[in-house]
Amino acid sequence: MNTLHKHEEGGASLLLIAVIILGLTTVVFGGLSIWAYTQYQAKSTDVNGQIKVAVVEAEKAQQEVDEKKFAEREKEPNRDFVGPDDYGRVTFKYPKTWSVYIASDPTKGGKYEAYLHPVTVPKVSATEQFALRVTVEERDYDQVIESYKSKVNNGDLASSATTSQGNTGTRYDGNFSENIRGSAVVYKIRDKTLTIRTDANTFKPDFDALIKTVTFNQ
């Protein structure tokens, strides 16, 4: 009887141990399952978040492209700028979204100045950035070129040859002053000198297209 009782107790102990091990295993696997599911949910949420961010950025980029295309279309058809006959009758094509302001009366002699800018031309000043400045002055071409020499020598400006409609001149790109960084072309018109300049690289594409259409009477 004692032997049988001991066998029964031993069997019960083994069964209890097996139940405990099974319970622990279930708890461990359950915990691992919960952890794995939590990780999956976190990664899934992160991926979904990244997808949403990517979609928003793509939509924003497309909107910017569309707005840029619309702005470019709005500039067409171009308008014709025509300067006074006594100052070489300078002509070129410019965006129709730009306004023109003639700052000096050419009938009184001296310097002819015109300013062009999108929508409204700001108040004229040396530090204001205009889309375009047009100047025809009663100075010799070589004198005007000489006035840029120091800035070319110190590296503020880069100088190169330029042509438009068969006319040869000089082009400058870089820093004209602390507030003005852009491009300019200078041409000789008889006893006068024509300078066309953009004051900001923002307008450089328009400037490059515009100077290809420049004509004047020699």
Protein backbone atom coordinates (compact mmCIF):
# COMPACT_ATOMS: atom_id res chain seq x y z
CA MET A 1 0.00 0.00 0.00
CA ASN A 2 2.77 2.44 0.88
CA THR A 3 4.52 1.74 -2.38
CA LEU A 4 1.32 2.31 -4.32
CA HIS A 5 0.66 5.52 -2.40
CA LYS A 6 4.15 6.77 -3.15
CA HIS A 7 3.70 5.98 -6.83
CA GLU A 8 0.44 7.92 -6.84
CA GLU A 9 2.11 10.91 -5.13
CA GLY A 10 4.99 10.78 -7.60
CA GLY A 11 2.59 10.69 -10.51
CA ALA A 12 0.64 13.60 -9.10
CA SER A 13 3.85 15.61 -8.65
CA LEU A 14 4.94 14.97 -12.23
CA LEU A 15 1.49 15.95 -13.47
CA LEU A 16 1.62 19.13 -11.40
CA ILE A 17 5.07 19.97 -12.76
CA ALA A 18 3.86 19.32 -16.30
CA VAL A 19 0.85 21.57 -15.72
CA ILE A 20 3.08 24.30 -14.30
CA ILE A 21 5.53 24.04 -17.21
CA LEU A 22 2.65 24.08 -19.67
CA GLY A 23 1.20 27.12 -17.92
CA LEU A 24 4.53 28.95 -17.96
CA THR A 25 5.04 28.05 -21.60
CA THR A 26 1.58 29.35 -22.41
CA VAL A 27 2.29 32.59 -20.54
CA VAL A 28 5.67 33.01 -22.26
CA PHE A 29 4.30 32.31 -25.72
CA GLY A 30 1.32 34.51 -24.97
CA GLY A 31 3.64 37.32 -23.91
CA LEU A 32 5.80 36.84 -27.00
CA SER A 33 2.71 36.88 -29.18
CA ILE A 34 1.49 40.10 -27.59
CA TRP A 35 4.97 41.66 -27.95
CA ALA A 36 5.21 40.56 -31.60
CA TYR A 37 1.74 41.94 -32.33
CA THR A 38 2.62 45.21 -30.60
CA GLN A 39 5.80 45.48 -32.66
CA TYR A 40 3.86 44.72 -35.83
CA GLN A 41 1.28 47.37 -34.99
CA ALA A 42 4.01 49.92 -34.23
CA LYS A 43 5.83 49.20 -37.50
CA SER A 44 2.56 49.20 -39.41
CA THR A 45 1.63 52.55 -37.89
CA ASP A 46 5.11 53.91 -38.68
CA VAL A 47 4.91 52.71 -42.29
CA ASN A 48 1.43 54.18 -42.69
CA GLY A 49 2.70 57.43 -41.23
CA GLN A 50 5.63 57.47 -43.65
CA ILE A 51 3.28 56.78 -46.54
CA LYS A 52 1.02 59.66 -45.50
CA VAL A 53 4.02 62.01 -45.20
CA ALA A 54 5.29 60.90 -48.62
CA VAL A 55 1.86 61.46 -50.16
CA VAL A 56 1.58 64.95 -48.63
CA GLU A 57 5.09 65.86 -49.81
CA ALA A 58 4.37 64.55 -53.31
CA GLU A 59 1.12 66.52 -53.49
CA LYS A 60 2.92 69.65 -52.28
CA ALA A 61 5.69 69.20 -54.86
CA GLN A 62 3.13 68.70 -57.63
CA GLN A 63 1.23 71.79 -56.50
CA GLU A 64 4.43 73.84 -56.64
CA VAL A 65 5.15 72.53 -60.15
CA ASP A 66 1.61 73.37 -61.27
CA GLU A 67 1.80 76.86 -59.75
CA LYS A 68 5.14 77.48 -61.46
CA LYS A 69 3.73 76.35 -64.82
CA PHE A 70 0.69 78.57 -64.31
CA ALA A 71 2.90 81.56 -63.44
CA GLU A 72 4.97 80.97 -66.58
CA ARG A 73 1.83 80.72 -68.75
CA GLU A 74 0.53 83.96 -67.23
CA LYS A 75 3.60 85.79 -68.53
CA GLU A 76 2.60 85.09 -72.13
CA PRO A 77 2.09 86.54 -74.62
CA ASN A 78 5.05 88.86 -74.10
CA ARG A 79 4.76 92.60 -74.44
CA ASP A 80 7.06 94.85 -76.46
CA PHE A 81 9.23 97.43 -74.74
CA VAL A 82 10.15 100.35 -77.01
CA GLY A 83 12.53 103.09 -75.90
CA PRO A 84 12.78 106.62 -77.32
CA ASP A 85 14.25 107.10 -80.81
CA ASP A 86 16.86 109.60 -79.60
CA TYR A 87 18.25 106.91 -77.28
CA GLY A 88 18.66 104.20 -79.89
CA ARG A 89 15.07 102.96 -79.86
CA VAL A 90 15.85 100.02 -77.59
CA THR A 91 13.32 97.20 -77.94
CA PHE A 92 12.83 93.82 -76.29
CA LYS A 93 10.06 91.49 -75.22
CA TYR A 94 9.09 91.17 -71.56
CA PRO A 95 6.45 89.21 -69.55
CA LYS A 96 2.97 90.70 -69.70
CA THR A 97 2.67 90.34 -65.91
CA TRP A 98 5.39 93.00 -65.48
CA SER A 99 4.70 96.71 -65.14
CA VAL A 100 6.91 99.47 -66.55
CA TYR A 101 7.90 102.74 -64.90
CA ILE A 102 9.82 105.43 -66.81
CA ALA A 103 11.84 107.27 -64.17
CA SER A 104 13.32 110.04 -66.33
CA ASP A 105 11.98 112.20 -69.15
CA PRO A 106 14.15 111.59 -72.22
CA THR A 107 12.97 114.82 -73.86
CA LYS A 108 15.07 116.75 -71.33
CA GLY A 109 18.26 114.91 -72.20
CA GLY A 110 20.59 113.17 -69.78
CA LYS A 111 20.08 109.61 -68.61
CA TYR A 112 17.11 107.51 -69.70
CA GLU A 113 15.90 105.10 -67.01
CA ALA A 114 13.11 102.52 -67.03
CA TYR A 115 12.20 99.96 -64.38
CA LEU A 116 10.21 96.76 -64.86
CA HIS A 117 8.78 94.52 -62.15
CA PRO A 118 5.96 91.99 -61.69
CA VAL A 119 2.55 93.58 -60.99
CA THR A 120 3.73 96.87 -59.44
CA VAL A 121 7.05 98.67 -59.74
CA PRO A 122 8.44 99.50 -56.25
CA LYS A 123 9.73 102.93 -55.31
CA VAL A 124 12.98 103.56 -57.13
CA SER A 125 16.13 103.32 -55.01
CA ALA A 126 19.67 102.05 -55.38
CA THR A 127 19.06 99.16 -52.95
CA GLU A 128 15.65 98.04 -54.25
CA GLN A 129 15.70 94.78 -56.22
CA PHE A 130 13.95 95.19 -59.57
CA ALA A 131 13.20 92.50 -62.10
CA LEU A 132 14.80 94.76 -64.68
CA ARG A 133 16.58 98.10 -64.91
CA VAL A 134 17.09 99.74 -68.30
CA THR A 135 19.56 102.60 -68.56
CA VAL A 136 20.76 104.54 -71.58
CA GLU A 137 23.34 107.10 -70.53
CA GLU A 138 25.47 109.65 -72.29
CA ARG A 139 28.71 107.98 -71.29
CA ASP A 140 31.25 106.26 -73.47
CA TYR A 141 30.99 102.47 -73.55
CA ASP A 142 34.61 102.04 -72.43
CA GLN A 143 34.00 104.28 -69.42
CA VAL A 144 31.04 102.18 -68.31
CA ILE A 145 33.05 98.96 -68.74
CA GLU A 146 35.89 100.50 -66.73
CA SER A 147 33.46 101.21 -63.85
CA TYR A 148 32.97 97.45 -63.40
CA LYS A 149 36.67 96.60 -63.58
CA SER A 150 37.38 96.67 -59.83
CA LYS A 151 34.50 94.30 -59.05
CA VAL A 152 35.67 91.93 -61.78
CA ASN A 153 39.22 92.01 -60.42
CA ASN A 154 38.17 91.24 -56.83
CA GLY A 155 35.85 88.42 -57.93
CA ASP A 156 32.49 90.03 -57.16
CA LEU A 157 31.56 89.97 -60.84
CA ALA A 158 32.28 87.59 -63.70
CA SER A 159 32.67 89.18 -67.14
CA SER A 160 31.92 87.57 -70.51
CA ALA A 161 31.07 88.55 -74.08
CA THR A 162 27.43 88.58 -75.16
CA THR A 163 25.55 89.08 -78.43
CA SER A 164 21.96 89.87 -79.33
CA GLN A 165 20.50 90.33 -82.79
CA GLY A 166 24.02 90.79 -84.20
CA ASN A 167 25.09 93.33 -81.55
CA THR A 168 28.09 92.53 -79.34
CA GLY A 169 28.41 93.65 -75.74
CA THR A 170 29.64 92.63 -72.29
CA ARG A 171 27.80 90.60 -69.69
CA TYR A 172 28.33 90.68 -65.93
CA ASP A 173 27.10 88.13 -63.37
CA GLY A 174 27.47 88.30 -59.60
CA ASN A 175 27.38 90.86 -56.79
CA PHE A 176 26.83 94.42 -57.97
CA SER A 177 26.40 95.62 -54.38
CA GLU A 178 25.59 94.25 -50.93
CA ASN A 179 21.88 93.97 -51.80
CA ILE A 180 22.05 93.39 -55.54
CA ARG A 181 23.07 90.01 -56.95
CA GLY A 182 22.08 89.41 -60.54
CA SER A 183 23.16 89.87 -64.15
CA ALA A 184 23.67 92.76 -66.56
CA VAL A 185 24.46 93.30 -70.24
CA VAL A 186 26.13 96.45 -71.57
CA TYR A 187 25.97 97.60 -75.21
CA LYS A 188 27.36 100.58 -77.10
CA ILE A 189 24.73 102.71 -78.87
CA ARG A 190 26.51 105.39 -80.91
CA ASP A 191 27.73 107.95 -78.32
CA LYS A 192 25.65 106.36 -75.56
CA THR A 193 25.72 103.15 -73.53
CA LEU A 194 22.84 100.78 -72.83
CA THR A 195 22.76 98.73 -69.63
CA ILE A 196 20.04 96.17 -68.91
CA ARG A 197 20.23 94.55 -65.48
CA THR A 198 18.25 92.22 -63.25
CA ASP A 199 18.79 92.72 -59.53
CA ALA A 200 18.03 89.19 -58.31
CA ASN A 201 18.74 85.68 -59.55
CA THR A 202 15.02 84.96 -59.09
CA PHE A 203 14.45 86.78 -62.38
CA LYS A 204 17.45 85.27 -64.19
CA PRO A 205 15.41 82.89 -66.43
CA ASP A 206 13.26 85.83 -67.58
CA PHE A 207 16.37 87.97 -68.00
CA ASP A 208 18.15 85.35 -70.11
CA ALA A 209 15.11 85.02 -72.38
CA LEU A 210 14.60 88.78 -72.58
CA ILE A 211 18.13 89.78 -73.60
CA LYS A 212 17.94 87.45 -76.61
CA THR A 213 15.28 89.77 -78.05
CA VAL A 214 17.12 93.08 -77.48
CA THR A 215 17.46 95.32 -80.54
CA PHE A 216 18.50 98.95 -80.95
CA ASN A 217 19.47 101.42 -83.66
CA GLN A 218 23.13 102.19 -84.13
